[in-house]
Amino acid sequence: MDPSEKSSLSERDICTKFITPALEQSGWDVLSQIREEVTFTDGRLNVKERLGVARWVFA
């Protein structure tokens, strides 16, 4: 696949066609070691760069 075709793919397409197969070939178990599209917060995550502190904000 040439670079111009890759640029038209979505993030999900790239994962399906390239990343997941590469992980499987390197020995990863897809069912127990890979999680996709996981939500890790119920709200926004505000990061204050200068303080190095993350604050959870729940709507």
Foldseek 3Di string as FASTA:
>chain_A
DDPVVVVPDDPVVCCVPPVVVVCVVVPDDCVPGDDPPDDDAQADWDADVVVRDIDHDHD
